[in-house]
Amino acid sequence: MDLATGWVTLRCGPHVAVDLASVPRAVREAGFAPSELRLVARGALEGDGDAFRIDGWTFALPLEDAGGDWRAALARGQVLRAQVVGWDVEAPVALVPLVD
């Protein structure tokens, strides 16, 4: 946790799937108030490009298309930068790709 920037960084080993909804809960339990959850992960598009599977995970997360040229950037490096939506409500989480 970096108190100067307000960012919490999780680095997970291979074959570790994190319940993304539990991350803000853990941050709140530590006495902080998370405002958003972003993810940077290596993996691959699945299906018709409407889901992203993080390397080592057995399941893919749905993608909500936010426009922009994120697919080309993903194809080059296979690293997705996305905002996680749905983590703060009783709903499945989804990823909204961010364009650098």
N, C-alpha and C. Protein backbone atom coordinates (compact mmCIF):
# COMPACT_ATOMS: atom_id res chain seq x y z
N MET A 1 0.85 -1.17 0.00
CA MET A 1 0.00 0.00 0.00
C MET A 1 0.89 1.23 0.00
N ASP A 2 0.59 2.15 -0.88
CA ASP A 2 1.34 3.40 -0.98
C ASP A 2 0.42 4.53 -0.50
N LEU A 3 0.66 5.03 0.70
CA LEU A 3 -0.20 6.07 1.26
C LEU A 3 -0.08 7.39 0.52
N ALA A 4 1.05 7.66 -0.11
CA ALA A 4 1.23 8.91 -0.85
C ALA A 4 0.34 8.96 -2.09
N THR A 5 0.20 7.84 -2.78
CA THR A 5 -0.60 7.82 -4.01
C THR A 5 -2.01 7.28 -3.78
N GLY A 6 -2.20 6.57 -2.67
CA GLY A 6 -3.50 5.97 -2.41
C GLY A 6 -3.73 4.66 -3.16
N TRP A 7 -2.67 4.10 -3.72
CA TRP A 7 -2.78 2.86 -4.49
C TRP A 7 -2.39 1.65 -3.66
N VAL A 8 -3.14 0.59 -3.84
CA VAL A 8 -2.79 -0.71 -3.28
C VAL A 8 -2.42 -1.59 -4.46
N THR A 9 -1.27 -2.24 -4.39
CA THR A 9 -0.83 -3.09 -5.48
C THR A 9 -0.75 -4.52 -4.98
N LEU A 10 -1.42 -5.42 -5.70
CA LEU A 10 -1.36 -6.84 -5.39
C LEU A 10 -0.58 -7.52 -6.51
N ARG A 11 0.41 -8.28 -6.15
CA ARG A 11 1.16 -9.07 -7.12
C ARG A 11 0.93 -10.53 -6.76
N CYS A 12 0.23 -11.22 -7.64
CA CYS A 12 -0.12 -12.61 -7.37
C CYS A 12 0.78 -13.54 -8.16
N GLY A 13 1.10 -14.65 -7.56
CA GLY A 13 1.89 -15.66 -8.24
C GLY A 13 1.08 -16.35 -9.32
N PRO A 14 1.75 -17.18 -10.11
CA PRO A 14 1.05 -17.90 -11.16
C PRO A 14 0.01 -18.84 -10.55
N HIS A 15 -1.07 -19.00 -11.26
CA HIS A 15 -2.15 -19.91 -10.87
C HIS A 15 -2.84 -19.50 -9.57
N VAL A 16 -2.88 -18.20 -9.31
CA VAL A 16 -3.60 -17.67 -8.16
C VAL A 16 -4.73 -16.79 -8.68
N ALA A 17 -5.96 -17.19 -8.43
CA ALA A 17 -7.12 -16.40 -8.83
C ALA A 17 -7.62 -15.64 -7.61
N VAL A 18 -7.76 -14.33 -7.76
CA VAL A 18 -8.18 -13.47 -6.67
C VAL A 18 -9.66 -13.13 -6.84
N ASP A 19 -10.41 -13.22 -5.77
CA ASP A 19 -11.79 -12.76 -5.78
C ASP A 19 -11.73 -11.23 -5.75
N LEU A 20 -11.93 -10.61 -6.92
CA LEU A 20 -11.74 -9.16 -7.02
C LEU A 20 -12.67 -8.39 -6.09
N ALA A 21 -13.85 -8.93 -5.82
CA ALA A 21 -14.78 -8.25 -4.92
C ALA A 21 -14.27 -8.24 -3.48
N SER A 22 -13.38 -9.17 -3.12
CA SER A 22 -12.88 -9.21 -1.75
C SER A 22 -11.77 -8.19 -1.50
N VAL A 23 -11.15 -7.67 -2.55
CA VAL A 23 -10.05 -6.71 -2.38
C VAL A 23 -10.54 -5.43 -1.71
N PRO A 24 -11.60 -4.76 -2.21
CA PRO A 24 -12.06 -3.55 -1.52
C PRO A 24 -12.51 -3.84 -0.08
N ARG A 25 -13.08 -5.02 0.14
CA ARG A 25 -13.50 -5.38 1.50
C ARG A 25 -12.30 -5.43 2.43
N ALA A 26 -11.19 -6.01 1.97
CA ALA A 26 -9.97 -6.08 2.77
C ALA A 26 -9.40 -4.69 3.01
N VAL A 27 -9.47 -3.83 2.00
CA VAL A 27 -8.98 -2.45 2.15
C VAL A 27 -9.83 -1.71 3.19
N ARG A 28 -11.16 -1.89 3.13
CA ARG A 28 -12.04 -1.25 4.12
C ARG A 28 -11.75 -1.77 5.53
N GLU A 29 -11.53 -3.08 5.65
CA GLU A 29 -11.23 -3.66 6.96
C GLU A 29 -9.91 -3.14 7.52
N ALA A 30 -9.02 -2.67 6.64
CA ALA A 30 -7.75 -2.07 7.08
C ALA A 30 -7.93 -0.60 7.46
N GLY A 31 -9.16 -0.08 7.32
CA GLY A 31 -9.45 1.29 7.74
C GLY A 31 -9.42 2.33 6.64
N PHE A 32 -9.43 1.90 5.38
CA PHE A 32 -9.40 2.84 4.26
C PHE A 32 -10.70 2.74 3.46
N ALA A 33 -10.97 3.75 2.63
CA ALA A 33 -12.20 3.79 1.83
C ALA A 33 -11.84 3.74 0.35
N PRO A 34 -11.94 2.58 -0.29
CA PRO A 34 -11.61 2.49 -1.71
C PRO A 34 -12.64 3.21 -2.57
N SER A 35 -12.17 3.90 -3.60
CA SER A 35 -13.09 4.61 -4.49
C SER A 35 -13.25 3.91 -5.83
N GLU A 36 -12.22 3.20 -6.27
CA GLU A 36 -12.32 2.47 -7.52
C GLU A 36 -11.31 1.32 -7.49
N LEU A 37 -11.51 0.39 -8.39
CA LEU A 37 -10.63 -0.76 -8.46
C LEU A 37 -10.20 -0.92 -9.91
N ARG A 38 -8.90 -0.87 -10.13
CA ARG A 38 -8.34 -1.05 -11.47
C ARG A 38 -7.44 -2.27 -11.47
N LEU A 39 -7.28 -2.84 -12.65
CA LEU A 39 -6.53 -4.06 -12.79
C LEU A 39 -5.58 -3.94 -13.97
N VAL A 40 -4.38 -4.42 -13.80
CA VAL A 40 -3.42 -4.58 -14.89
C VAL A 40 -3.01 -6.04 -14.86
N ALA A 41 -3.32 -6.77 -15.94
CA ALA A 41 -3.07 -8.21 -15.91
C ALA A 41 -2.66 -8.72 -17.28
N ARG A 42 -1.85 -9.76 -17.27
CA ARG A 42 -1.44 -10.45 -18.50
C ARG A 42 -2.39 -11.61 -18.72
N GLY A 43 -2.83 -11.80 -19.96
CA GLY A 43 -3.75 -12.88 -20.28
C GLY A 43 -4.14 -12.84 -21.74
N ALA A 44 -5.34 -13.29 -22.04
CA ALA A 44 -5.80 -13.36 -23.43
C ALA A 44 -7.30 -13.18 -23.51
N LEU A 45 -7.72 -12.63 -24.65
CA LEU A 45 -9.15 -12.52 -24.93
C LEU A 45 -9.71 -13.91 -25.16
N GLU A 46 -10.97 -14.09 -24.80
CA GLU A 46 -11.64 -15.37 -25.03
C GLU A 46 -12.97 -15.14 -25.71
N GLY A 47 -13.53 -16.22 -26.25
CA GLY A 47 -14.81 -16.14 -26.94
C GLY A 47 -14.70 -15.23 -28.13
N ASP A 48 -15.66 -14.35 -28.27
CA ASP A 48 -15.66 -13.36 -29.35
C ASP A 48 -14.95 -12.08 -28.92
N GLY A 49 -14.06 -12.19 -27.98
CA GLY A 49 -13.37 -11.01 -27.46
C GLY A 49 -14.18 -10.30 -26.40
N ASP A 50 -15.18 -11.00 -25.85
CA ASP A 50 -16.03 -10.37 -24.85
C ASP A 50 -15.68 -10.80 -23.43
N ALA A 51 -14.53 -11.49 -23.29
CA ALA A 51 -14.06 -11.91 -21.97
C ALA A 51 -12.53 -11.94 -21.99
N PHE A 52 -11.94 -11.83 -20.81
CA PHE A 52 -10.49 -11.82 -20.67
C PHE A 52 -10.13 -12.82 -19.58
N ARG A 53 -9.24 -13.75 -19.91
CA ARG A 53 -8.77 -14.72 -18.93
C ARG A 53 -7.35 -14.37 -18.53
N ILE A 54 -7.15 -14.07 -17.26
CA ILE A 54 -5.84 -13.76 -16.73
C ILE A 54 -5.00 -15.03 -16.74
N ASP A 55 -3.74 -14.91 -17.12
CA ASP A 55 -2.85 -16.07 -17.15
C ASP A 55 -2.92 -16.82 -15.83
N GLY A 56 -3.12 -18.13 -15.90
CA GLY A 56 -3.17 -18.97 -14.72
C GLY A 56 -4.55 -19.15 -14.14
N TRP A 57 -5.53 -18.34 -14.55
CA TRP A 57 -6.88 -18.47 -14.02
C TRP A 57 -7.64 -19.52 -14.82
N THR A 58 -8.60 -20.16 -14.18
CA THR A 58 -9.40 -21.17 -14.87
C THR A 58 -10.69 -20.60 -15.44
N PHE A 59 -10.95 -19.33 -15.19
CA PHE A 59 -12.17 -18.69 -15.71
C PHE A 59 -11.83 -17.32 -16.27
N ALA A 60 -12.71 -16.82 -17.13
CA ALA A 60 -12.52 -15.50 -17.74
C ALA A 60 -13.49 -14.51 -17.11
N LEU A 61 -13.11 -13.25 -17.13
CA LEU A 61 -13.97 -12.17 -16.65
C LEU A 61 -14.61 -11.47 -17.83
N PRO A 62 -15.90 -11.14 -17.75
CA PRO A 62 -16.55 -10.45 -18.87
C PRO A 62 -15.98 -9.06 -19.08
N LEU A 63 -15.97 -8.63 -20.34
CA LEU A 63 -15.51 -7.30 -20.70
C LEU A 63 -16.69 -6.45 -21.14
N GLU A 64 -16.70 -5.21 -20.71
CA GLU A 64 -17.66 -4.23 -21.19
C GLU A 64 -16.90 -3.29 -22.10
N ASP A 65 -17.29 -3.21 -23.36
CA ASP A 65 -16.55 -2.41 -24.33
C ASP A 65 -16.74 -0.92 -24.05
N ALA A 66 -15.64 -0.25 -23.82
CA ALA A 66 -15.68 1.18 -23.52
C ALA A 66 -15.25 2.01 -24.72
N GLY A 67 -15.11 1.39 -25.88
CA GLY A 67 -14.64 2.11 -27.06
C GLY A 67 -13.13 2.27 -27.01
N GLY A 68 -12.59 2.96 -27.97
CA GLY A 68 -11.14 3.17 -28.01
C GLY A 68 -10.42 2.01 -28.66
N ASP A 69 -9.12 2.11 -28.72
CA ASP A 69 -8.30 1.13 -29.44
C ASP A 69 -7.61 0.18 -28.47
N TRP A 70 -8.30 -0.28 -27.44
CA TRP A 70 -7.68 -1.15 -26.45
C TRP A 70 -7.40 -2.54 -27.01
N ARG A 71 -8.18 -3.01 -27.98
CA ARG A 71 -7.95 -4.35 -28.54
C ARG A 71 -6.60 -4.43 -29.24
N ALA A 72 -6.23 -3.39 -29.97
CA ALA A 72 -4.94 -3.39 -30.66
C ALA A 72 -3.80 -3.38 -29.64
N ALA A 73 -3.94 -2.60 -28.58
CA ALA A 73 -2.91 -2.56 -27.54
C ALA A 73 -2.81 -3.91 -26.85
N LEU A 74 -3.94 -4.55 -26.62
CA LEU A 74 -3.93 -5.85 -25.97
C LEU A 74 -3.28 -6.89 -26.88
N ALA A 75 -3.56 -6.84 -28.16
CA ALA A 75 -2.99 -7.81 -29.10
C ALA A 75 -1.47 -7.69 -29.14
N ARG A 76 -0.95 -6.47 -28.96
CA ARG A 76 0.50 -6.29 -28.99
C ARG A 76 1.19 -6.87 -27.77
N GLY A 77 0.64 -6.64 -26.59
CA GLY A 77 1.35 -7.03 -25.39
C GLY A 77 0.64 -8.03 -24.50
N GLN A 78 -0.62 -8.33 -24.80
CA GLN A 78 -1.42 -9.25 -23.99
C GLN A 78 -1.54 -8.80 -22.54
N VAL A 79 -1.41 -7.50 -22.31
CA VAL A 79 -1.62 -6.95 -20.97
C VAL A 79 -2.84 -6.05 -21.04
N LEU A 80 -3.80 -6.33 -20.21
CA LEU A 80 -5.03 -5.54 -20.17
C LEU A 80 -4.99 -4.59 -18.99
N ARG A 81 -5.30 -3.34 -19.26
CA ARG A 81 -5.50 -2.34 -18.21
C ARG A 81 -7.00 -2.07 -18.19
N ALA A 82 -7.62 -2.26 -17.04
CA ALA A 82 -9.07 -2.14 -16.99
C ALA A 82 -9.54 -1.63 -15.64
N GLN A 83 -10.71 -1.02 -15.66
CA GLN A 83 -11.40 -0.68 -14.43
C GLN A 83 -12.32 -1.84 -14.11
N VAL A 84 -12.36 -2.23 -12.86
CA VAL A 84 -13.23 -3.32 -12.42
C VAL A 84 -14.55 -2.69 -11.99
N VAL A 85 -15.64 -3.14 -12.58
CA VAL A 85 -16.97 -2.62 -12.21
C VAL A 85 -17.76 -3.74 -11.55
N GLY A 86 -18.65 -3.35 -10.67
CA GLY A 86 -19.49 -4.32 -9.98
C GLY A 86 -18.92 -4.80 -8.67
N TRP A 87 -17.71 -4.36 -8.29
CA TRP A 87 -17.11 -4.83 -7.05
C TRP A 87 -17.78 -4.24 -5.82
N ASP A 88 -18.49 -3.14 -5.99
CA ASP A 88 -19.07 -2.46 -4.85
C ASP A 88 -20.58 -2.71 -4.71
N VAL A 89 -21.10 -3.62 -5.51
CA VAL A 89 -22.52 -3.98 -5.44
C VAL A 89 -22.63 -5.50 -5.48
N GLU A 90 -23.81 -5.99 -5.22
CA GLU A 90 -24.03 -7.44 -5.27
C GLU A 90 -24.28 -7.85 -6.72
N ALA A 91 -23.22 -7.86 -7.51
CA ALA A 91 -23.32 -8.23 -8.91
C ALA A 91 -21.99 -8.84 -9.31
N PRO A 92 -21.98 -9.65 -10.37
CA PRO A 92 -20.69 -10.18 -10.85
C PRO A 92 -19.80 -9.03 -11.32
N VAL A 93 -18.52 -9.16 -11.10
CA VAL A 93 -17.60 -8.12 -11.57
C VAL A 93 -17.39 -8.26 -13.09
N ALA A 94 -17.08 -7.14 -13.70
CA ALA A 94 -16.75 -7.09 -15.13
C ALA A 94 -15.60 -6.12 -15.28
N LEU A 95 -14.95 -6.17 -16.42
CA LEU A 95 -13.81 -5.29 -16.70
C LEU A 95 -14.17 -4.31 -17.81
N VAL A 96 -13.81 -3.05 -17.61
CA VAL A 96 -13.95 -2.04 -18.65
C VAL A 96 -12.55 -1.64 -19.05
N PRO A 97 -12.11 -2.02 -20.26
CA PRO A 97 -10.73 -1.71 -20.68
C PRO A 97 -10.47 -0.21 -20.68
N LEU A 98 -9.26 0.15 -20.27
CA LEU A 98 -8.81 1.54 -20.27
C LEU A 98 -7.84 1.73 -21.42
N VAL A 99 -7.93 2.84 -22.10
CA VAL A 99 -7.02 3.16 -23.19
C VAL A 99 -5.97 4.12 -22.65
N ASP A 100 -4.69 3.76 -22.82
CA ASP A 100 -3.61 4.62 -22.32
C ASP A 100 -3.48 5.85 -23.17
